[in-house]
């Protein structure tokens, strides 16, 4: 829908896509002339079927540390995308999943990561931005040591 999409893509320092397959990006690259060295794929996320079940435990001692089993289909998609994209894949699930295949429901400040199990809340976005920013293996723009870091714009 954007009239100047080719220009915007050519001027971009970084281009993010989410859950996109290699063949789809190939078609977009041909259509819009995307420089694939600028492209990063943001992984999927999954926080269960319904957040409503967590409200029942409000007031419990372990309320803020509740975790949920990830849907197997979401894990399968995540692993497929990670295999397709390799080092250009930002594995959100891999940053937070535990050995039992469970995902956190709340940030470390006890705020919901996702309000609907698929989209991030503002607190969830800040939480993941901080995780990404502190991940030494992730370098978005090959930033120099002590140089600019990833940030969240409010």
C-alpha atoms as a PDB file:
ATOM      1  CA  UNK A   1       0.000   0.000   0.000  1.00  0.00           C
ATOM      2  CA  UNK A   2       3.020   2.278   0.487  1.00  0.00           C
ATOM      3  CA  UNK A   3       3.610   4.280  -2.713  1.00  0.00           C
ATOM      4  CA  UNK A   4       7.338   4.765  -2.129  1.00  0.00           C
ATOM      5  CA  UNK A   5       8.153   1.316  -0.740  1.00  0.00           C
ATOM      6  CA  UNK A   6      11.096   0.701  -3.101  1.00  0.00           C
ATOM      7  CA  UNK A   7      12.714   3.971  -2.045  1.00  0.00           C
ATOM      8  CA  UNK A   8      12.116   3.301   1.645  1.00  0.00           C
ATOM      9  CA  UNK A   9      13.537  -0.216   1.368  1.00  0.00           C
ATOM     10  CA  UNK A  10      16.631   1.002  -0.471  1.00  0.00           C
ATOM     11  CA  UNK A  11      17.283   3.700   2.169  1.00  0.00           C
ATOM     12  CA  UNK A  12      16.720   1.396   5.142  1.00  0.00           C
ATOM     13  CA  UNK A  13      19.705   0.365   7.244  1.00  0.00           C
ATOM     14  CA  UNK A  14      17.839  -2.688   8.542  1.00  0.00           C
ATOM     15  CA  UNK A  15      14.716  -4.480   7.327  1.00  0.00           C
ATOM     16  CA  UNK A  16      12.750  -6.752   9.658  1.00  0.00           C
ATOM     17  CA  UNK A  17      10.331  -9.445   8.564  1.00  0.00           C
ATOM     18  CA  UNK A  18       8.499 -11.869  10.794  1.00  0.00           C
ATOM     19  CA  UNK A  19       7.797 -15.515  10.019  1.00  0.00           C
ATOM     20  CA  UNK A  20       8.689 -15.163   6.340  1.00  0.00           C
ATOM     21  CA  UNK A  21       9.878 -18.090   4.251  1.00  0.00           C
ATOM     22  CA  UNK A  22      12.919 -17.923   1.973  1.00  0.00           C
ATOM     23  CA  UNK A  23      10.853 -18.293  -1.218  1.00  0.00           C
ATOM     24  CA  UNK A  24       8.547 -15.449  -0.160  1.00  0.00           C
ATOM     25  CA  UNK A  25      11.502 -13.146   0.503  1.00  0.00           C
ATOM     26  CA  UNK A  26      13.004 -14.147  -2.844  1.00  0.00           C
ATOM     27  CA  UNK A  27       9.812 -13.004  -4.595  1.00  0.00           C
ATOM     28  CA  UNK A  28       9.754  -9.734  -2.627  1.00  0.00           C
ATOM     29  CA  UNK A  29      13.429  -9.170  -3.428  1.00  0.00           C
ATOM     30  CA  UNK A  30      12.739  -9.500  -7.144  1.00  0.00           C
ATOM     31  CA  UNK A  31       9.709  -7.216  -6.961  1.00  0.00           C
ATOM     32  CA  UNK A  32      11.158  -4.473  -4.742  1.00  0.00           C
ATOM     33  CA  UNK A  33      14.927  -4.837  -5.123  1.00  0.00           C
ATOM     34  CA  UNK A  34      15.523  -5.619  -1.455  1.00  0.00           C
ATOM     35  CA  UNK A  35      19.144  -5.819  -0.335  1.00  0.00           C
ATOM     36  CA  UNK A  36      19.016  -9.095   1.607  1.00  0.00           C
ATOM     37  CA  UNK A  37      22.129  -8.201   3.608  1.00  0.00           C
ATOM     38  CA  UNK A  38      19.884  -5.725   5.450  1.00  0.00           C
ATOM     39  CA  UNK A  39      17.232  -8.327   6.260  1.00  0.00           C
ATOM     40  CA  UNK A  40      16.634  -9.906   9.663  1.00  0.00           C
ATOM     41  CA  UNK A  41      13.851 -12.358  10.441  1.00  0.00           C
ATOM     42  CA  UNK A  42      12.118 -11.892  13.786  1.00  0.00           C
ATOM     43  CA  UNK A  43      11.045 -15.248  15.154  1.00  0.00           C
ATOM     44  CA  UNK A  44       7.587 -16.225  16.204  1.00  0.00           C
ATOM     45  CA  UNK A  45       6.440 -16.267  19.787  1.00  0.00           C
ATOM     46  CA  UNK A  46       3.787 -18.262  21.581  1.00  0.00           C
ATOM     47  CA  UNK A  47       2.467 -17.999  25.105  1.00  0.00           C
ATOM     48  CA  UNK A  48      -0.200 -20.677  25.239  1.00  0.00           C
ATOM     49  CA  UNK A  49      -3.872 -20.691  24.351  1.00  0.00           C
ATOM     50  CA  UNK A  50      -5.384 -18.104  26.702  1.00  0.00           C
ATOM     51  CA  UNK A  51      -3.966 -15.690  29.268  1.00  0.00           C
ATOM     52  CA  UNK A  52      -7.204 -15.801  31.267  1.00  0.00           C
ATOM     53  CA  UNK A  53      -6.067 -18.959  33.079  1.00  0.00           C
ATOM     54  CA  UNK A  54      -3.276 -16.989  34.745  1.00  0.00           C
ATOM     55  CA  UNK A  55      -5.601 -14.516  36.416  1.00  0.00           C
ATOM     56  CA  UNK A  56      -6.950 -17.309  38.620  1.00  0.00           C
ATOM     57  CA  UNK A  57      -3.578 -17.517  40.367  1.00  0.00           C
ATOM     58  CA  UNK A  58      -3.406 -13.794  41.058  1.00  0.00           C
ATOM     59  CA  UNK A  59      -2.087 -13.321  44.588  1.00  0.00           C
ATOM     60  CA  UNK A  60      -0.248 -16.673  44.653  1.00  0.00           C
ATOM     61  CA  UNK A  61       3.408 -16.550  45.659  1.00  0.00           C
ATOM     62  CA  UNK A  62       4.474 -17.837  42.236  1.00  0.00           C
ATOM     63  CA  UNK A  63       2.096 -15.649  40.197  1.00  0.00           C
ATOM     64  CA  UNK A  64       4.851 -13.741  38.383  1.00  0.00           C
ATOM     65  CA  UNK A  65       6.934 -16.834  37.631  1.00  0.00           C
ATOM     66  CA  UNK A  66       4.173 -18.807  35.892  1.00  0.00           C
ATOM     67  CA  UNK A  67       5.140 -20.518  32.656  1.00  0.00           C
ATOM     68  CA  UNK A  68       3.104 -22.130  29.902  1.00  0.00           C
ATOM     69  CA  UNK A  69       3.750 -25.043  27.552  1.00  0.00           C
ATOM     70  CA  UNK A  70       4.516 -23.869  24.059  1.00  0.00           C
ATOM     71  CA  UNK A  71       2.270 -25.177  21.291  1.00  0.00           C
ATOM     72  CA  UNK A  72       4.151 -27.852  19.377  1.00  0.00           C
ATOM     73  CA  UNK A  73       3.143 -26.292  16.045  1.00  0.00           C
ATOM     74  CA  UNK A  74       4.691 -22.970  17.118  1.00  0.00           C
ATOM     75  CA  UNK A  75       7.897 -24.736  18.136  1.00  0.00           C
ATOM     76  CA  UNK A  76       7.964 -26.599  14.808  1.00  0.00           C
ATOM     77  CA  UNK A  77       7.560 -23.349  12.845  1.00  0.00           C
ATOM     78  CA  UNK A  78      10.253 -21.685  14.963  1.00  0.00           C
ATOM     79  CA  UNK A  79      12.715 -24.517  14.322  1.00  0.00           C
ATOM     80  CA  UNK A  80      11.979 -24.531  10.575  1.00  0.00           C
ATOM     81  CA  UNK A  81      12.518 -20.788  10.291  1.00  0.00           C
ATOM     82  CA  UNK A  82      15.678 -20.957  12.380  1.00  0.00           C
ATOM     83  CA  UNK A  83      17.026 -23.666  10.060  1.00  0.00           C
ATOM     84  CA  UNK A  84      16.135 -21.626   6.953  1.00  0.00           C
ATOM     85  CA  UNK A  85      17.586 -18.313   8.138  1.00  0.00           C
ATOM     86  CA  UNK A  86      20.493 -19.320  10.374  1.00  0.00           C
ATOM     87  CA  UNK A  87      22.354 -16.340  11.819  1.00  0.00           C
ATOM     88  CA  UNK A  88      19.821 -13.876  10.316  1.00  0.00           C
ATOM     89  CA  UNK A  89      17.067 -15.294  12.541  1.00  0.00           C
ATOM     90  CA  UNK A  90      16.179 -13.607  15.839  1.00  0.00           C
ATOM     91  CA  UNK A  91      15.012 -16.575  17.908  1.00  0.00           C
ATOM     92  CA  UNK A  92      12.617 -15.051  20.464  1.00  0.00           C
ATOM     93  CA  UNK A  93      11.442 -18.453  21.678  1.00  0.00           C
ATOM     94  CA  UNK A  94      15.019 -19.651  22.139  1.00  0.00           C
ATOM     95  CA  UNK A  95      15.719 -16.656  24.378  1.00  0.00           C
ATOM     96  CA  UNK A  96      13.091 -17.620  26.953  1.00  0.00           C
ATOM     97  CA  UNK A  97      12.055 -21.276  26.624  1.00  0.00           C
ATOM     98  CA  UNK A  98      13.172 -23.583  29.430  1.00  0.00           C
ATOM     99  CA  UNK A  99      14.324 -27.232  29.362  1.00  0.00           C
ATOM    100  CA  UNK A 100      10.730 -28.441  29.790  1.00  0.00           C
ATOM    101  CA  UNK A 101       9.540 -26.472  26.762  1.00  0.00           C
ATOM    102  CA  UNK A 102       7.757 -23.848  28.844  1.00  0.00           C
ATOM    103  CA  UNK A 103       7.585 -20.125  28.167  1.00  0.00           C
ATOM    104  CA  UNK A 104       7.343 -17.308  30.723  1.00  0.00           C
ATOM    105  CA  UNK A 105       4.028 -15.489  30.973  1.00  0.00           C
ATOM    106  CA  UNK A 106       5.367 -12.389  32.712  1.00  0.00           C
ATOM    107  CA  UNK A 107       8.382 -10.126  32.360  1.00  0.00           C
ATOM    108  CA  UNK A 108      10.858  -9.897  35.233  1.00  0.00           C
ATOM    109  CA  UNK A 109       8.797  -6.905  36.464  1.00  0.00           C
ATOM    110  CA  UNK A 110       5.623  -9.069  36.605  1.00  0.00           C
ATOM    111  CA  UNK A 111       3.934  -7.573  33.533  1.00  0.00           C
ATOM    112  CA  UNK A 112       2.236  -9.731  30.881  1.00  0.00           C
ATOM    113  CA  UNK A 113       4.559 -10.416  27.956  1.00  0.00           C
ATOM    114  CA  UNK A 114       1.567 -10.895  25.672  1.00  0.00           C
ATOM    115  CA  UNK A 115      -2.042  -9.837  26.101  1.00  0.00           C
ATOM    116  CA  UNK A 116      -3.433 -12.329  23.591  1.00  0.00           C
ATOM    117  CA  UNK A 117      -0.688 -15.020  23.509  1.00  0.00           C
ATOM    118  CA  UNK A 118       0.613 -13.916  20.070  1.00  0.00           C
ATOM    119  CA  UNK A 119       1.315 -10.161  20.181  1.00  0.00           C
ATOM    120  CA  UNK A 120       3.631  -8.449  22.626  1.00  0.00           C
ATOM    121  CA  UNK A 121       2.441  -5.955  25.176  1.00  0.00           C
ATOM    122  CA  UNK A 122       4.492  -2.774  25.549  1.00  0.00           C
ATOM    123  CA  UNK A 123       6.172  -4.390  28.573  1.00  0.00           C
ATOM    124  CA  UNK A 124       6.777  -7.553  26.531  1.00  0.00           C
ATOM    125  CA  UNK A 125       8.412  -5.583  23.712  1.00  0.00           C
ATOM    126  CA  UNK A 126      10.687  -3.797  26.175  1.00  0.00           C
ATOM    127  CA  UNK A 127      11.508  -7.148  27.822  1.00  0.00           C
ATOM    128  CA  UNK A 128      12.553  -8.724  24.511  1.00  0.00           C
ATOM    129  CA  UNK A 129      14.445  -5.593  23.418  1.00  0.00           C
ATOM    130  CA  UNK A 130      16.486  -5.859  26.603  1.00  0.00           C
ATOM    131  CA  UNK A 131      17.138  -9.577  26.010  1.00  0.00           C
ATOM    132  CA  UNK A 132      18.244  -8.883  22.437  1.00  0.00           C
ATOM    133  CA  UNK A 133      20.389  -5.943  23.488  1.00  0.00           C
ATOM    134  CA  UNK A 134      22.250  -8.059  26.047  1.00  0.00           C
ATOM    135  CA  UNK A 135      22.752 -11.029  23.704  1.00  0.00           C
ATOM    136  CA  UNK A 136      26.464 -10.897  22.834  1.00  0.00           C
ATOM    137  CA  UNK A 137      25.987 -13.195  19.820  1.00  0.00           C
ATOM    138  CA  UNK A 138      23.502 -10.812  18.200  1.00  0.00           C
ATOM    139  CA  UNK A 139      24.969  -7.867  16.315  1.00  0.00           C
ATOM    140  CA  UNK A 140      22.422  -5.999  14.257  1.00  0.00           C
ATOM    141  CA  UNK A 141      24.677  -3.514  12.533  1.00  0.00           C
ATOM    142  CA  UNK A 142      28.050  -4.846  13.608  1.00  0.00           C
ATOM    143  CA  UNK A 143      28.012  -2.123  16.241  1.00  0.00           C
ATOM    144  CA  UNK A 144      31.435  -1.254  17.656  1.00  0.00           C
ATOM    145  CA  UNK A 145      32.162  -2.045  21.266  1.00  0.00           C
ATOM    146  CA  UNK A 146      30.713   0.709  23.408  1.00  0.00           C
ATOM    147  CA  UNK A 147      28.758   2.037  20.421  1.00  0.00           C
ATOM    148  CA  UNK A 148      25.032   2.392  19.910  1.00  0.00           C
ATOM    149  CA  UNK A 149      22.789  -0.398  21.131  1.00  0.00           C
ATOM    150  CA  UNK A 150      19.304  -1.564  20.262  1.00  0.00           C
ATOM    151  CA  UNK A 151      16.607   0.562  21.787  1.00  0.00           C
ATOM    152  CA  UNK A 152      12.861   0.725  22.097  1.00  0.00           C
ATOM    153  CA  UNK A 153      11.107   3.824  20.832  1.00  0.00           C
ATOM    154  CA  UNK A 154       8.081   4.804  22.912  1.00  0.00           C
END
